[in-house]
N, C-alpha and C. Protein backbone atom coordinates (compact mmCIF):
# COMPACT_ATOMS: atom_id res chain seq x y z
N MET A 1 0.83 -1.19 0.00
CA MET A 1 0.00 0.00 0.00
C MET A 1 0.87 1.26 0.00
N LEU A 2 1.94 1.26 0.78
CA LEU A 2 2.81 2.42 0.83
C LEU A 2 3.53 2.64 -0.50
N ALA A 3 3.85 1.54 -1.17
CA ALA A 3 4.53 1.66 -2.46
C ALA A 3 3.62 2.34 -3.48
N ILE A 4 2.35 2.03 -3.44
CA ILE A 4 1.40 2.65 -4.37
C ILE A 4 1.29 4.14 -4.08
N ARG A 5 1.24 4.50 -2.81
CA ARG A 5 1.17 5.92 -2.45
C ARG A 5 2.40 6.67 -2.94
N ASN A 6 3.56 6.04 -2.81
CA ASN A 6 4.79 6.69 -3.28
C ASN A 6 4.76 6.89 -4.78
N LEU A 7 4.24 5.92 -5.52
CA LEU A 7 4.15 6.07 -6.97
C LEU A 7 3.19 7.19 -7.35
N ILE A 8 2.08 7.29 -6.63
CA ILE A 8 1.10 8.34 -6.92
C ILE A 8 1.71 9.71 -6.65
N LYS A 9 2.43 9.86 -5.54
CA LYS A 9 3.05 11.15 -5.22
C LYS A 9 4.07 11.54 -6.28
N VAL A 10 4.88 10.57 -6.72
CA VAL A 10 5.88 10.87 -7.74
C VAL A 10 5.20 11.29 -9.03
N ASN A 11 4.13 10.60 -9.40
CA ASN A 11 3.43 10.94 -10.64
C ASN A 11 2.82 12.34 -10.56
N ASN A 12 2.27 12.71 -9.40
CA ASN A 12 1.72 14.06 -9.25
C ASN A 12 2.82 15.11 -9.38
N GLN A 13 3.98 14.84 -8.80
CA GLN A 13 5.08 15.79 -8.90
C GLN A 13 5.56 15.91 -10.34
N ILE A 14 5.62 14.78 -11.04
CA ILE A 14 6.05 14.82 -12.43
C ILE A 14 5.06 15.61 -13.26
N LEU A 15 3.76 15.39 -13.03
CA LEU A 15 2.74 16.12 -13.80
C LEU A 15 2.81 17.61 -13.51
N LYS A 16 3.04 17.99 -12.26
CA LYS A 16 3.15 19.41 -11.93
C LYS A 16 4.34 20.04 -12.63
N ASN A 17 5.46 19.34 -12.67
CA ASN A 17 6.64 19.88 -13.32
C ASN A 17 6.45 20.00 -14.83
N VAL A 18 5.76 19.06 -15.42
CA VAL A 18 5.51 19.11 -16.86
C VAL A 18 4.60 20.28 -17.20
N ALA A 19 3.60 20.53 -16.35
CA ALA A 19 2.65 21.62 -16.61
C ALA A 19 3.33 22.98 -16.50
N GLN A 20 4.42 23.09 -15.75
CA GLN A 20 5.06 24.37 -15.56
C GLN A 20 6.06 24.71 -16.66
N GLN A 21 6.39 23.77 -17.51
CA GLN A 21 7.34 24.05 -18.57
C GLN A 21 6.68 24.91 -19.64
N ARG A 22 7.40 25.90 -20.11
CA ARG A 22 6.87 26.80 -21.13
C ARG A 22 7.93 26.99 -22.21
N ASN A 23 7.45 27.20 -23.41
CA ASN A 23 8.36 27.49 -24.51
C ASN A 23 8.25 28.97 -24.85
N MET A 24 9.27 29.72 -24.52
CA MET A 24 9.27 31.14 -24.79
C MET A 24 10.06 31.39 -26.07
N SER A 25 9.35 31.64 -27.15
CA SER A 25 10.03 31.88 -28.41
C SER A 25 9.94 33.34 -28.86
N VAL A 26 9.20 34.14 -28.11
CA VAL A 26 9.04 35.55 -28.47
C VAL A 26 10.09 36.37 -27.71
N ILE A 27 10.81 37.19 -28.41
CA ILE A 27 11.84 38.02 -27.79
C ILE A 27 11.24 39.40 -27.53
N ALA A 28 11.31 39.86 -26.29
CA ALA A 28 10.76 41.16 -25.92
C ALA A 28 11.76 42.26 -26.32
N THR A 29 11.27 43.20 -27.08
CA THR A 29 12.11 44.32 -27.51
C THR A 29 11.36 45.62 -27.24
N PRO A 30 12.04 46.74 -27.20
CA PRO A 30 11.35 48.02 -27.03
C PRO A 30 10.42 48.29 -28.21
N ALA A 31 9.44 49.15 -27.98
CA ALA A 31 8.47 49.47 -29.02
C ALA A 31 9.16 50.13 -30.21
N ARG A 32 8.71 49.81 -31.39
CA ARG A 32 9.29 50.40 -32.60
C ARG A 32 8.75 51.80 -32.83
N ASN A 33 7.45 52.00 -32.58
CA ASN A 33 6.82 53.30 -32.77
C ASN A 33 6.29 53.79 -31.43
N LYS A 34 6.76 54.94 -30.99
CA LYS A 34 6.29 55.48 -29.72
C LYS A 34 4.89 56.05 -29.88
N VAL A 35 4.12 55.98 -28.80
CA VAL A 35 2.76 56.51 -28.79
C VAL A 35 2.85 57.99 -28.46
N SER A 36 2.14 58.82 -29.22
CA SER A 36 2.20 60.26 -28.99
C SER A 36 1.48 60.64 -27.70
N LYS A 37 1.79 61.82 -27.18
CA LYS A 37 1.18 62.29 -25.93
C LYS A 37 -0.33 62.45 -26.08
N GLY A 38 -0.76 62.95 -27.24
CA GLY A 38 -2.20 63.11 -27.47
C GLY A 38 -2.93 61.79 -27.43
N GLU A 39 -2.34 60.76 -28.03
CA GLU A 39 -2.97 59.44 -28.03
C GLU A 39 -2.97 58.85 -26.62
N GLN A 40 -1.92 59.09 -25.85
CA GLN A 40 -1.88 58.62 -24.47
C GLN A 40 -2.98 59.26 -23.64
N VAL A 41 -3.16 60.57 -23.82
CA VAL A 41 -4.20 61.28 -23.07
C VAL A 41 -5.58 60.75 -23.47
N LEU A 42 -5.80 60.57 -24.77
CA LEU A 42 -7.09 60.06 -25.25
C LEU A 42 -7.37 58.68 -24.69
N LEU A 43 -6.40 57.78 -24.75
CA LEU A 43 -6.60 56.43 -24.25
C LEU A 43 -6.80 56.41 -22.74
N ALA A 44 -6.06 57.23 -22.00
CA ALA A 44 -6.23 57.30 -20.55
C ALA A 44 -7.62 57.82 -20.20
N THR A 45 -8.10 58.82 -20.95
CA THR A 45 -9.43 59.37 -20.71
C THR A 45 -10.50 58.31 -20.97
N LEU A 46 -10.35 57.55 -22.05
CA LEU A 46 -11.32 56.50 -22.35
C LEU A 46 -11.31 55.41 -21.28
N MET A 47 -10.14 55.08 -20.75
CA MET A 47 -10.08 54.07 -19.69
C MET A 47 -10.76 54.56 -18.42
N VAL A 48 -10.53 55.81 -18.04
CA VAL A 48 -11.15 56.35 -16.83
C VAL A 48 -12.66 56.40 -16.99
N ILE A 49 -13.14 56.82 -18.16
CA ILE A 49 -14.58 56.85 -18.42
C ILE A 49 -15.15 55.43 -18.36
N GLY A 50 -14.44 54.48 -18.92
CA GLY A 50 -14.91 53.10 -18.89
C GLY A 50 -14.97 52.53 -17.48
N TRP A 51 -13.96 52.84 -16.67
CA TRP A 51 -13.95 52.32 -15.30
C TRP A 51 -15.02 52.95 -14.43
N SER A 52 -15.34 54.20 -14.66
CA SER A 52 -16.29 54.90 -13.80
C SER A 52 -17.71 54.89 -14.34
N ALA A 53 -17.95 54.32 -15.50
CA ALA A 53 -19.29 54.35 -16.09
C ALA A 53 -20.30 53.56 -15.26
N VAL A 54 -19.97 52.34 -14.86
CA VAL A 54 -20.91 51.51 -14.10
C VAL A 54 -21.16 52.10 -12.71
N PRO A 55 -20.14 52.48 -11.93
CA PRO A 55 -20.44 53.10 -10.63
C PRO A 55 -21.26 54.39 -10.76
N ALA A 56 -21.00 55.18 -11.79
CA ALA A 56 -21.79 56.40 -11.98
C ALA A 56 -23.23 56.06 -12.30
N TRP A 57 -23.44 55.04 -13.13
CA TRP A 57 -24.81 54.62 -13.48
C TRP A 57 -25.56 54.16 -12.23
N VAL A 58 -24.88 53.42 -11.37
CA VAL A 58 -25.51 52.94 -10.13
C VAL A 58 -25.86 54.12 -9.23
N LEU A 59 -24.94 55.07 -9.09
CA LEU A 59 -25.22 56.21 -8.22
C LEU A 59 -26.35 57.08 -8.76
N VAL A 60 -26.45 57.23 -10.07
CA VAL A 60 -27.52 58.03 -10.65
C VAL A 60 -28.87 57.36 -10.45
N ASN A 61 -28.90 56.04 -10.53
CA ASN A 61 -30.17 55.30 -10.45
C ASN A 61 -30.37 54.61 -9.11
N ILE A 62 -29.74 55.09 -8.05
CA ILE A 62 -29.83 54.40 -6.76
C ILE A 62 -31.24 54.46 -6.18
N LYS A 63 -32.00 55.48 -6.51
CA LYS A 63 -33.38 55.55 -6.02
C LYS A 63 -34.22 54.44 -6.62
N HIS A 64 -33.99 54.09 -7.86
CA HIS A 64 -34.73 53.01 -8.49
C HIS A 64 -34.37 51.66 -7.86
N TYR A 65 -33.13 51.49 -7.44
CA TYR A 65 -32.71 50.23 -6.83
C TYR A 65 -33.30 50.07 -5.44
N ARG A 66 -33.47 51.19 -4.74
CA ARG A 66 -34.03 51.15 -3.39
C ARG A 66 -35.56 51.06 -3.42
N GLY A 67 -36.15 51.30 -4.55
CA GLY A 67 -37.60 51.21 -4.68
C GLY A 67 -38.32 52.47 -4.26
N GLU A 68 -37.65 53.57 -4.21
CA GLU A 68 -38.29 54.84 -3.82
C GLU A 68 -38.88 55.55 -5.00
């Protein structure tokens, strides 16, 4: 019985090690074309609007959620 447990533990360890192996074939390099300041501002503005849209909608319609 103990021998079977040892085999199972070894197999689990082998499977964990196999799952962690990765093939990295992409080389990370600096960007070829820099993003302009205007585009950075535009994209940052769109992200902030996107993040705050749902909380703003909830706050505007909170009376409807409370049933008042």
